[in-house]
Amino acid sequence: MQFSAANNTTKDQGGTTRDPLDDAIRQIGRLVRHPAYRRQAVMSAILMRHLPFDGGYQWAGEGALRTRLVSAKLDANTLSHLATTAGDEFRRLRGPPDA
């Protein structure tokens, strides 16, 4: 059975329905807009496979990213992994909290 990423939804701890596709796009967008973002420095191979090649403050490729992720037909677990990994990379770029 094949699922479309656009139709997968999950419920968070509060019972609110969340779309893992939107979460992944939001986290990836936050990552690529970070001034220290360098695509070649990303640790996760699966995240790097789906990252855009451009970045910076003015990045506005959410629509293209959504199209690419939907056409990849990723399941909810993979999309959740992408969102988590992008968030981890963002925190790594920010450095330790006491620095």
PDB file of N, CA and C in Angstrom:
ATOM      1  N   MET A   1       0.844  -1.166   0.000  1.00  0.00           N
ATOM      2  CA  MET A   1       0.000   0.000   0.000  1.00  0.00           C
ATOM      3  C   MET A   1       0.893   1.233   0.000  1.00  0.00           C
ATOM      4  N   GLN A   2       0.546   2.208  -0.798  1.00  0.00           N
ATOM      5  CA  GLN A   2       1.335   3.417  -0.914  1.00  0.00           C
ATOM      6  C   GLN A   2       0.534   4.598  -0.390  1.00  0.00           C
ATOM      7  N   PHE A   3       1.203   5.455   0.384  1.00  0.00           N
ATOM      8  CA  PHE A   3       0.542   6.605   0.983  1.00  0.00           C
ATOM      9  C   PHE A   3       1.106   7.881   0.393  1.00  0.00           C
ATOM     10  N   SER A   4       0.297   8.874   0.303  1.00  0.00           N
ATOM     11  CA  SER A   4       0.744  10.194  -0.117  1.00  0.00           C
ATOM     12  C   SER A   4       1.107  10.991   1.110  1.00  0.00           C
ATOM     13  N   ALA A   5       2.261  11.649   1.065  1.00  0.00           N
ATOM     14  CA  ALA A   5       2.720  12.423   2.210  1.00  0.00           C
ATOM     15  C   ALA A   5       1.758  13.551   2.550  1.00  0.00           C
ATOM     16  N   ALA A   6       1.042  14.051   1.568  1.00  0.00           N
ATOM     17  CA  ALA A   6       0.137  15.176   1.804  1.00  0.00           C
ATOM     18  C   ALA A   6      -1.074  14.775   2.645  1.00  0.00           C
ATOM     19  N   ASN A   7      -1.378  13.481   2.719  1.00  0.00           N
ATOM     20  CA  ASN A   7      -2.562  13.043   3.448  1.00  0.00           C
ATOM     21  C   ASN A   7      -2.248  12.463   4.819  1.00  0.00           C
ATOM     22  N   ASN A   8      -0.994  12.338   5.185  1.00  0.00           N
ATOM     23  CA  ASN A   8      -0.619  11.783   6.485  1.00  0.00           C
ATOM     24  C   ASN A   8      -0.754  12.853   7.560  1.00  0.00           C
ATOM     25  N   THR A   9      -1.436  12.523   8.627  1.00  0.00           N
ATOM     26  CA  THR A   9      -1.506  13.424   9.774  1.00  0.00           C
ATOM     27  C   THR A   9      -1.288  12.604  11.024  1.00  0.00           C
ATOM     28  N   THR A  10      -0.783  13.263  12.062  1.00  0.00           N
ATOM     29  CA  THR A  10      -0.596  12.608  13.347  1.00  0.00           C
ATOM     30  C   THR A  10      -1.175  13.515  14.416  1.00  0.00           C
ATOM     31  N   LYS A  11      -1.372  12.970  15.590  1.00  0.00           N
ATOM     32  CA  LYS A  11      -1.844  13.777  16.714  1.00  0.00           C
ATOM     33  C   LYS A  11      -0.695  13.945  17.693  1.00  0.00           C
ATOM     34  N   ASP A  12      -0.509  15.187  18.155  1.00  0.00           N
ATOM     35  CA  ASP A  12       0.524  15.430  19.150  1.00  0.00           C
ATOM     36  C   ASP A  12      -0.010  15.082  20.533  1.00  0.00           C
ATOM     37  N   GLN A  13       0.774  15.335  21.571  1.00  0.00           N
ATOM     38  CA  GLN A  13       0.397  14.949  22.923  1.00  0.00           C
ATOM     39  C   GLN A  13      -0.882  15.624  23.390  1.00  0.00           C
ATOM     40  N   GLY A  14      -1.157  16.804  22.882  1.00  0.00           N
ATOM     41  CA  GLY A  14      -2.372  17.509  23.264  1.00  0.00           C
ATOM     42  C   GLY A  14      -3.597  17.075  22.475  1.00  0.00           C
ATOM     43  N   GLY A  15      -3.437  16.136  21.545  1.00  0.00           N
ATOM     44  CA  GLY A  15      -4.549  15.661  20.753  1.00  0.00           C
ATOM     45  C   GLY A  15      -4.797  16.477  19.501  1.00  0.00           C
ATOM     46  N   THR A  16      -3.955  17.490  19.244  1.00  0.00           N
ATOM     47  CA  THR A  16      -4.105  18.322  18.064  1.00  0.00           C
ATOM     48  C   THR A  16      -3.552  17.587  16.853  1.00  0.00           C
ATOM     49  N   THR A  17      -4.273  17.643  15.747  1.00  0.00           N
ATOM     50  CA  THR A  17      -3.807  17.004  14.519  1.00  0.00           C
ATOM     51  C   THR A  17      -2.693  17.844  13.907  1.00  0.00           C
ATOM     52  N   ARG A  18      -1.576  17.162  13.584  1.00  0.00           N
ATOM     53  CA  ARG A  18      -0.434  17.846  12.978  1.00  0.00           C
ATOM     54  C   ARG A  18      -0.060  17.121  11.698  1.00  0.00           C
ATOM     55  N   ASP A  19       0.376  17.863  10.737  1.00  0.00           N
ATOM     56  CA  ASP A  19       0.820  17.303   9.471  1.00  0.00           C
ATOM     57  C   ASP A  19       2.341  17.215   9.488  1.00  0.00           C
ATOM     58  N   PRO A  20       2.916  16.003   9.432  1.00  0.00           N
ATOM     59  CA  PRO A  20       4.370  15.879   9.466  1.00  0.00           C
ATOM     60  C   PRO A  20       5.045  16.544   8.269  1.00  0.00           C
ATOM     61  N   LEU A  21       4.339  16.687   7.159  1.00  0.00           N
ATOM     62  CA  LEU A  21       4.897  17.381   6.009  1.00  0.00           C
ATOM     63  C   LEU A  21       5.122  18.850   6.341  1.00  0.00           C
ATOM     64  N   ASP A  22       4.126  19.479   6.967  1.00  0.00           N
ATOM     65  CA  ASP A  22       4.275  20.882   7.359  1.00  0.00           C
ATOM     66  C   ASP A  22       5.384  21.058   8.388  1.00  0.00           C
ATOM     67  N   ASP A  23       5.482  20.125   9.339  1.00  0.00           N
ATOM     68  CA  ASP A  23       6.552  20.193  10.337  1.00  0.00           C
ATOM     69  C   ASP A  23       7.922  20.114   9.679  1.00  0.00           C
ATOM     70  N   ALA A  24       8.081  19.188   8.730  1.00  0.00           N
ATOM     71  CA  ALA A  24       9.370  19.030   8.046  1.00  0.00           C
ATOM     72  C   ALA A  24       9.714  20.290   7.258  1.00  0.00           C
ATOM     73  N   ILE A  25       8.751  20.853   6.559  1.00  0.00           N
ATOM     74  CA  ILE A  25       9.000  22.066   5.768  1.00  0.00           C
ATOM     75  C   ILE A  25       9.361  23.232   6.675  1.00  0.00           C
ATOM     76  N   ARG A  26       8.665  23.360   7.797  1.00  0.00           N
ATOM     77  CA  ARG A  26       8.949  24.448   8.727  1.00  0.00           C
ATOM     78  C   ARG A  26      10.365  24.334   9.305  1.00  0.00           C
ATOM     79  N   GLN A  27      10.742  23.123   9.725  1.00  0.00           N
ATOM     80  CA  GLN A  27      12.066  22.927  10.318  1.00  0.00           C
ATOM     81  C   GLN A  27      13.183  23.083   9.279  1.00  0.00           C
ATOM     82  N   ILE A  28      12.976  22.563   8.085  1.00  0.00           N
ATOM     83  CA  ILE A  28      13.987  22.702   7.034  1.00  0.00           C
ATOM     84  C   ILE A  28      14.137  24.176   6.648  1.00  0.00           C
ATOM     85  N   GLY A  29      13.023  24.889   6.549  1.00  0.00           N
ATOM     86  CA  GLY A  29      13.079  26.318   6.242  1.00  0.00           C
ATOM     87  C   GLY A  29      13.841  27.099   7.295  1.00  0.00           C
ATOM     88  N   ARG A  30      13.602  26.782   8.547  1.00  0.00           N
ATOM     89  CA  ARG A  30      14.323  27.443   9.644  1.00  0.00           C
ATOM     90  C   ARG A  30      15.825  27.160   9.552  1.00  0.00           C
ATOM     91  N   LEU A  31      16.168  25.925   9.206  1.00  0.00           N
ATOM     92  CA  LEU A  31      17.571  25.544   9.089  1.00  0.00           C
ATOM     93  C   LEU A  31      18.262  26.282   7.948  1.00  0.00           C
ATOM     94  N   VAL A  32      17.670  26.269   6.759  1.00  0.00           N
ATOM     95  CA  VAL A  32      18.350  26.867   5.607  1.00  0.00           C
ATOM     96  C   VAL A  32      18.422  28.385   5.690  1.00  0.00           C
ATOM     97  N   ARG A  33      17.598  28.999   6.530  1.00  0.00           N
ATOM     98  CA  ARG A  33      17.682  30.452   6.715  1.00  0.00           C
ATOM     99  C   ARG A  33      18.731  30.870   7.753  1.00  0.00           C
ATOM    100  N   HIS A  34      19.262  29.918   8.494  1.00  0.00           N
ATOM    101  CA  HIS A  34      20.255  30.242   9.518  1.00  0.00           C
ATOM    102  C   HIS A  34      21.528  30.754   8.843  1.00  0.00           C
ATOM    103  N   PRO A  35      22.121  31.841   9.348  1.00  0.00           N
ATOM    104  CA  PRO A  35      23.305  32.407   8.688  1.00  0.00           C
ATOM    105  C   PRO A  35      24.514  31.466   8.661  1.00  0.00           C
ATOM    106  N   ALA A  36      24.584  30.520   9.576  1.00  0.00           N
ATOM    107  CA  ALA A  36      25.715  29.585   9.599  1.00  0.00           C
ATOM    108  C   ALA A  36      25.441  28.301   8.818  1.00  0.00           C
ATOM    109  N   TYR A  37      24.287  28.200   8.171  1.00  0.00           N
ATOM    110  CA  TYR A  37      23.919  26.982   7.438  1.00  0.00           C
ATOM    111  C   TYR A  37      24.853  26.760   6.259  1.00  0.00           C
ATOM    112  N   ARG A  38      25.413  25.572   6.195  1.00  0.00           N
ATOM    113  CA  ARG A  38      26.204  25.116   5.058  1.00  0.00           C
ATOM    114  C   ARG A  38      25.719  23.709   4.729  1.00  0.00           C
ATOM    115  N   ARG A  39      25.158  23.540   3.561  1.00  0.00           N
ATOM    116  CA  ARG A  39      24.561  22.254   3.184  1.00  0.00           C
ATOM    117  C   ARG A  39      25.546  21.108   3.325  1.00  0.00           C
ATOM    118  N   GLN A  40      26.789  21.316   2.952  1.00  0.00           N
ATOM    119  CA  GLN A  40      27.779  20.246   2.980  1.00  0.00           C
ATOM    120  C   GLN A  40      28.165  19.844   4.403  1.00  0.00           C
ATOM    121  N   ALA A  41      27.787  20.605   5.406  1.00  0.00           N
ATOM    122  CA  ALA A  41      28.132  20.284   6.793  1.00  0.00           C
ATOM    123  C   ALA A  41      27.028  19.504   7.513  1.00  0.00           C
ATOM    124  N   VAL A  42      25.924  19.238   6.840  1.00  0.00           N
ATOM    125  CA  VAL A  42      24.807  18.513   7.454  1.00  0.00           C
ATOM    126  C   VAL A  42      25.218  17.062   7.696  1.00  0.00           C
ATOM    127  N   MET A  43      24.908  16.556   8.882  1.00  0.00           N
ATOM    128  CA  MET A  43      25.337  15.220   9.282  1.00  0.00           C
ATOM    129  C   MET A  43      24.445  14.100   8.742  1.00  0.00           C
ATOM    130  N   SER A  44      23.160  14.342   8.617  1.00  0.00           N
ATOM    131  CA  SER A  44      22.210  13.298   8.231  1.00  0.00           C
ATOM    132  C   SER A  44      22.150  13.139   6.709  1.00  0.00           C
ATOM    133  N   ALA A  45      22.402  11.918   6.241  1.00  0.00           N
ATOM    134  CA  ALA A  45      22.363  11.652   4.802  1.00  0.00           C
ATOM    135  C   ALA A  45      20.947  11.791   4.242  1.00  0.00           C
ATOM    136  N   ILE A  46      19.950  11.320   4.989  1.00  0.00           N
ATOM    137  CA  ILE A  46      18.576  11.416   4.485  1.00  0.00           C
ATOM    138  C   ILE A  46      18.109  12.873   4.452  1.00  0.00           C
ATOM    139  N   LEU A  47      18.513  13.664   5.430  1.00  0.00           N
ATOM    140  CA  LEU A  47      18.157  15.083   5.407  1.00  0.00           C
ATOM    141  C   LEU A  47      18.856  15.776   4.245  1.00  0.00           C
ATOM    142  N   MET A  48      20.127  15.491   4.044  1.00  0.00           N
ATOM    143  CA  MET A  48      20.867  16.132   2.961  1.00  0.00           C
ATOM    144  C   MET A  48      20.246  15.801   1.601  1.00  0.00           C
ATOM    145  N   ARG A  49      19.708  14.603   1.466  1.00  0.00           N
ATOM    146  CA  ARG A  49      19.080  14.183   0.206  1.00  0.00           C
ATOM    147  C   ARG A  49      17.892  15.082  -0.147  1.00  0.00           C
ATOM    148  N   HIS A  50      17.214  15.630   0.859  1.00  0.00           N
ATOM    149  CA  HIS A  50      16.005  16.411   0.605  1.00  0.00           C
ATOM    150  C   HIS A  50      16.189  17.909   0.833  1.00  0.00           C
ATOM    151  N   LEU A  51      17.377  18.347   1.215  1.00  0.00           N
ATOM    152  CA  LEU A  51      17.620  19.774   1.428  1.00  0.00           C
ATOM    153  C   LEU A  51      17.746  20.518   0.107  1.00  0.00           C
ATOM    154  N   PRO A  52      17.287  21.762   0.077  1.00  0.00           N
ATOM    155  CA  PRO A  52      17.501  22.580  -1.120  1.00  0.00           C
ATOM    156  C   PRO A  52      18.980  22.969  -1.228  1.00  0.00           C
ATOM    157  N   PHE A  53      19.407  23.315  -2.428  1.00  0.00           N
ATOM    158  CA  PHE A  53      20.802  23.696  -2.636  1.00  0.00           C
ATOM    159  C   PHE A  53      21.060  25.154  -2.293  1.00  0.00           C
ATOM    160  N   ASP A  54      20.021  25.966  -2.263  1.00  0.00           N
ATOM    161  CA  ASP A  54      20.194  27.367  -1.910  1.00  0.00           C
ATOM    162  C   ASP A  54      19.766  27.588  -0.469  1.00  0.00           C
ATOM    163  N   GLY A  55      20.127  28.718   0.095  1.00  0.00           N
ATOM    164  CA  GLY A  55      19.770  29.025   1.471  1.00  0.00           C
ATOM    165  C   GLY A  55      19.995  30.497   1.748  1.00  0.00           C
ATOM    166  N   GLY A  56      19.829  30.888   2.991  1.00  0.00           N
ATOM    167  CA  GLY A  56      20.029  32.267   3.395  1.00  0.00           C
ATOM    168  C   GLY A  56      18.736  32.888   3.891  1.00  0.00           C
ATOM    169  N   TYR A  57      18.860  34.124   4.369  1.00  0.00           N
ATOM    170  CA  TYR A  57      17.707  34.823   4.934  1.00  0.00           C
ATOM    171  C   TYR A  57      16.544  34.925   3.963  1.00  0.00           C
ATOM    172  N   GLN A  58      16.834  35.106   2.696  1.00  0.00           N
ATOM    173  CA  GLN A  58      15.791  35.356   1.713  1.00  0.00           C
ATOM    174  C   GLN A  58      15.225  34.086   1.080  1.00  0.00           C
ATOM    175  N   TRP A  59      15.614  32.911   1.571  1.00  0.00           N
ATOM    176  CA  TRP A  59      15.122  31.664   0.980  1.00  0.00           C
ATOM    177  C   TRP A  59      13.607  31.627   1.083  1.00  0.00           C
ATOM    178  N   ALA A  60      12.958  31.364  -0.020  1.00  0.00           N
ATOM    179  CA  ALA A  60      11.494  31.310  -0.057  1.00  0.00           C
ATOM    180  C   ALA A  60      11.042  30.116  -0.878  1.00  0.00           C
ATOM    181  N   GLY A  61      11.698  28.989  -0.680  1.00  0.00           N
ATOM    182  CA  GLY A  61      11.423  27.827  -1.501  1.00  0.00           C
ATOM    183  C   GLY A  61      10.509  26.803  -0.865  1.00  0.00           C
ATOM    184  N   GLU A  62       9.627  27.224   0.058  1.00  0.00           N
ATOM    185  CA  GLU A  62       8.742  26.267   0.711  1.00  0.00           C
ATOM    186  C   GLU A  62       7.850  25.534  -0.288  1.00  0.00           C
ATOM    187  N   GLY A  63       7.367  26.248  -1.286  1.00  0.00           N
ATOM    188  CA  GLY A  63       6.511  25.620  -2.280  1.00  0.00           C
ATOM    189  C   GLY A  63       7.243  24.546  -3.068  1.00  0.00           C
ATOM    190  N   ALA A  64       8.454  24.854  -3.500  1.00  0.00           N
ATOM    191  CA  ALA A  64       9.251  23.869  -4.243  1.00  0.00           C
ATOM    192  C   ALA A  64       9.625  22.695  -3.346  1.00  0.00           C
ATOM    193  N   LEU A  65       9.950  22.992  -2.080  1.00  0.00           N
ATOM    194  CA  LEU A  65      10.295  21.933  -1.139  1.00  0.00           C
ATOM    195  C   LEU A  65       9.089  21.022  -0.907  1.00  0.00           C
ATOM    196  N   ARG A  66       7.911  21.611  -0.741  1.00  0.00           N
ATOM    197  CA  ARG A  66       6.686  20.822  -0.559  1.00  0.00           C
ATOM    198  C   ARG A  66       6.456  19.915  -1.772  1.00  0.00           C
ATOM    199  N   THR A  67       6.599  20.470  -2.957  1.00  0.00           N
ATOM    200  CA  THR A  67       6.415  19.669  -4.176  1.00  0.00           C
ATOM    201  C   THR A  67       7.400  18.511  -4.219  1.00  0.00           C
ATOM    202  N   ARG A  68       8.665  18.787  -3.876  1.00  0.00           N
ATOM    203  CA  ARG A  68       9.687  17.748  -3.909  1.00  0.00           C
ATOM    204  C   ARG A  68       9.422  16.658  -2.872  1.00  0.00           C
ATOM    205  N   LEU A  69       9.013  17.049  -1.662  1.00  0.00           N
ATOM    206  CA  LEU A  69       8.750  16.061  -0.620  1.00  0.00           C
ATOM    207  C   LEU A  69       7.506  15.227  -0.933  1.00  0.00           C
ATOM    208  N   VAL A  70       6.474  15.849  -1.477  1.00  0.00           N
ATOM    209  CA  VAL A  70       5.268  15.106  -1.842  1.00  0.00           C
ATOM    210  C   VAL A  70       5.588  14.131  -2.970  1.00  0.00           C
ATOM    211  N   SER A  71       6.372  14.565  -3.952  1.00  0.00           N
ATOM    212  CA  SER A  71       6.689  13.666  -5.068  1.00  0.00           C
ATOM    213  C   SER A  71       7.601  12.521  -4.624  1.00  0.00           C
ATOM    214  N   ALA A  72       8.331  12.694  -3.524  1.00  0.00           N
ATOM    215  CA  ALA A  72       9.165  11.616  -2.997  1.00  0.00           C
ATOM    216  C   ALA A  72       8.329  10.548  -2.300  1.00  0.00           C
ATOM    217  N   LYS A  73       7.059  10.853  -2.006  1.00  0.00           N
ATOM    218  CA  LYS A  73       6.117   9.916  -1.380  1.00  0.00           C
ATOM    219  C   LYS A  73       6.675   9.340  -0.073  1.00  0.00           C
ATOM    220  N   LEU A  74       7.145  10.240   0.782  1.00  0.00           N
ATOM    221  CA  LEU A  74       7.688   9.836   2.077  1.00  0.00           C
ATOM    222  C   LEU A  74       6.564   9.540   3.049  1.00  0.00           C
ATOM    223  N   ASP A  75       6.759   8.566   3.913  1.00  0.00           N
ATOM    224  CA  ASP A  75       5.750   8.254   4.919  1.00  0.00           C
ATOM    225  C   ASP A  75       5.885   9.213   6.103  1.00  0.00           C
ATOM    226  N   ALA A  76       4.933   9.140   7.011  1.00  0.00           N
ATOM    227  CA  ALA A  76       4.894  10.060   8.157  1.00  0.00           C
ATOM    228  C   ALA A  76       6.116   9.910   9.044  1.00  0.00           C
ATOM    229  N   ASN A  77       6.609   8.692   9.224  1.00  0.00           N
ATOM    230  CA  ASN A  77       7.795   8.498  10.068  1.00  0.00           C
ATOM    231  C   ASN A  77       9.032   9.142   9.464  1.00  0.00           C
ATOM    232  N   THR A  78       9.198   9.038   8.160  1.00  0.00           N
ATOM    233  CA  THR A  78      10.346   9.654   7.499  1.00  0.00           C
ATOM    234  C   THR A  78      10.249  11.170   7.567  1.00  0.00           C
ATOM    235  N   LEU A  79       9.058  11.711   7.359  1.00  0.00           N
ATOM    236  CA  LEU A  79       8.866  13.160   7.455  1.00  0.00           C
ATOM    237  C   LEU A  79       9.138  13.646   8.872  1.00  0.00           C
ATOM    238  N   SER A  80       8.706  12.882   9.861  1.00  0.00           N
ATOM    239  CA  SER A  80       8.975  13.230  11.251  1.00  0.00           C
ATOM    240  C   SER A  80      10.477  13.198  11.527  1.00  0.00           C
ATOM    241  N   HIS A  81      11.152  12.207  10.967  1.00  0.00           N
ATOM    242  CA  HIS A  81      12.602  12.121  11.122  1.00  0.00           C
ATOM    243  C   HIS A  81      13.290  13.330  10.488  1.00  0.00           C
ATOM    244  N   LEU A  82      12.828  13.736   9.309  1.00  0.00           N
ATOM    245  CA  LEU A  82      13.398  14.921   8.661  1.00  0.00           C
ATOM    246  C   LEU A  82      13.214  16.169   9.518  1.00  0.00           C
ATOM    247  N   ALA A  83      12.026  16.339  10.084  1.00  0.00           N
ATOM    248  CA  ALA A  83      11.757  17.504  10.931  1.00  0.00           C
ATOM    249  C   ALA A  83      12.645  17.490  12.171  1.00  0.00           C
ATOM    250  N   THR A  84      12.765  16.337  12.808  1.00  0.00           N
ATOM    251  CA  THR A  84      13.592  16.224  14.015  1.00  0.00           C
ATOM    252  C   THR A  84      15.057  16.471  13.700  1.00  0.00           C
ATOM    253  N   THR A  85      15.531  15.878  12.621  1.00  0.00           N
ATOM    254  CA  THR A  85      16.936  16.029  12.251  1.00  0.00           C
ATOM    255  C   THR A  85      17.253  17.463  11.849  1.00  0.00           C
ATOM    256  N   ALA A  86      16.343  18.117  11.134  1.00  0.00           N
ATOM    257  CA  ALA A  86      16.556  19.525  10.772  1.00  0.00           C
ATOM    258  C   ALA A  86      16.594  20.391  12.029  1.00  0.00           C
ATOM    259  N   GLY A  87      15.740  20.088  12.996  1.00  0.00           N
ATOM    260  CA  GLY A  87      15.772  20.818  14.271  1.00  0.00           C
ATOM    261  C   GLY A  87      17.068  20.592  15.018  1.00  0.00           C
ATOM    262  N   ASP A  88      17.568  19.354  14.998  1.00  0.00           N
ATOM    263  CA  ASP A  88      18.852  19.049  15.643  1.00  0.00           C
ATOM    264  C   ASP A  88      19.995  19.799  14.969  1.00  0.00           C
ATOM    265  N   GLU A  89      19.977  19.850  13.644  1.00  0.00           N
ATOM    266  CA  GLU A  89      21.019  20.586  12.913  1.00  0.00           C
ATOM    267  C   GLU A  89      20.947  22.081  13.240  1.00  0.00           C
ATOM    268  N   PHE A  90      19.742  22.610  13.348  1.00  0.00           N
ATOM    269  CA  PHE A  90      19.575  24.024  13.693  1.00  0.00           C
ATOM    270  C   PHE A  90      20.172  24.307  15.070  1.00  0.00           C
ATOM    271  N   ARG A  91      19.872  23.433  16.039  1.00  0.00           N
ATOM    272  CA  ARG A  91      20.422  23.621  17.387  1.00  0.00           C
ATOM    273  C   ARG A  91      21.937  23.481  17.395  1.00  0.00           C
ATOM    274  N   ARG A  92      22.468  22.598  16.559  1.00  0.00           N
ATOM    275  CA  ARG A  92      23.924  22.436  16.460  1.00  0.00           C
ATOM    276  C   ARG A  92      24.555  23.717  15.925  1.00  0.00           C
ATOM    277  N   LEU A  93      23.914  24.368  14.970  1.00  0.00           N
ATOM    278  CA  LEU A  93      24.433  25.612  14.416  1.00  0.00           C
ATOM    279  C   LEU A  93      24.429  26.738  15.457  1.00  0.00           C
ATOM    280  N   ARG A  94      23.449  26.718  16.327  1.00  0.00           N
ATOM    281  CA  ARG A  94      23.342  27.762  17.355  1.00  0.00           C
ATOM    282  C   ARG A  94      24.428  27.622  18.411  1.00  0.00           C
ATOM    283  N   GLY A  95      24.974  26.431  18.557  1.00  0.00           N
ATOM    284  CA  GLY A  95      26.028  26.217  19.532  1.00  0.00           C
ATOM    285  C   GLY A  95      25.463  25.920  20.903  1.00  0.00           C
ATOM    286  N   PRO A  96      26.352  25.688  21.882  1.00  0.00           N
ATOM    287  CA  PRO A  96      25.882  25.385  23.229  1.00  0.00           C
ATOM    288  C   PRO A  96      25.195  26.593  23.864  1.00  0.00           C
ATOM    289  N   PRO A  97      24.213  26.345  24.724  1.00  0.00           N
ATOM    290  CA  PRO A  97      23.448  27.461  25.300  1.00  0.00           C
ATOM    291  C   PRO A  97      24.267  28.354  26.218  1.00  0.00           C
ATOM    292  N   ASP A  98      25.370  27.881  26.747  1.00  0.00           N
ATOM    293  CA  ASP A  98      26.158  28.698  27.659  1.00  0.00           C
ATOM    294  C   ASP A  98      27.353  29.362  26.984  1.00  0.00           C
ATOM    295  N   ALA A  99      27.425  29.292  25.663  1.00  0.00           N
ATOM    296  CA  ALA A  99      28.577  29.861  24.943  1.00  0.00           C
ATOM    297  C   ALA A  99      28.455  31.363  24.801  1.00  0.00           C
TER     298      ALA A  99
END
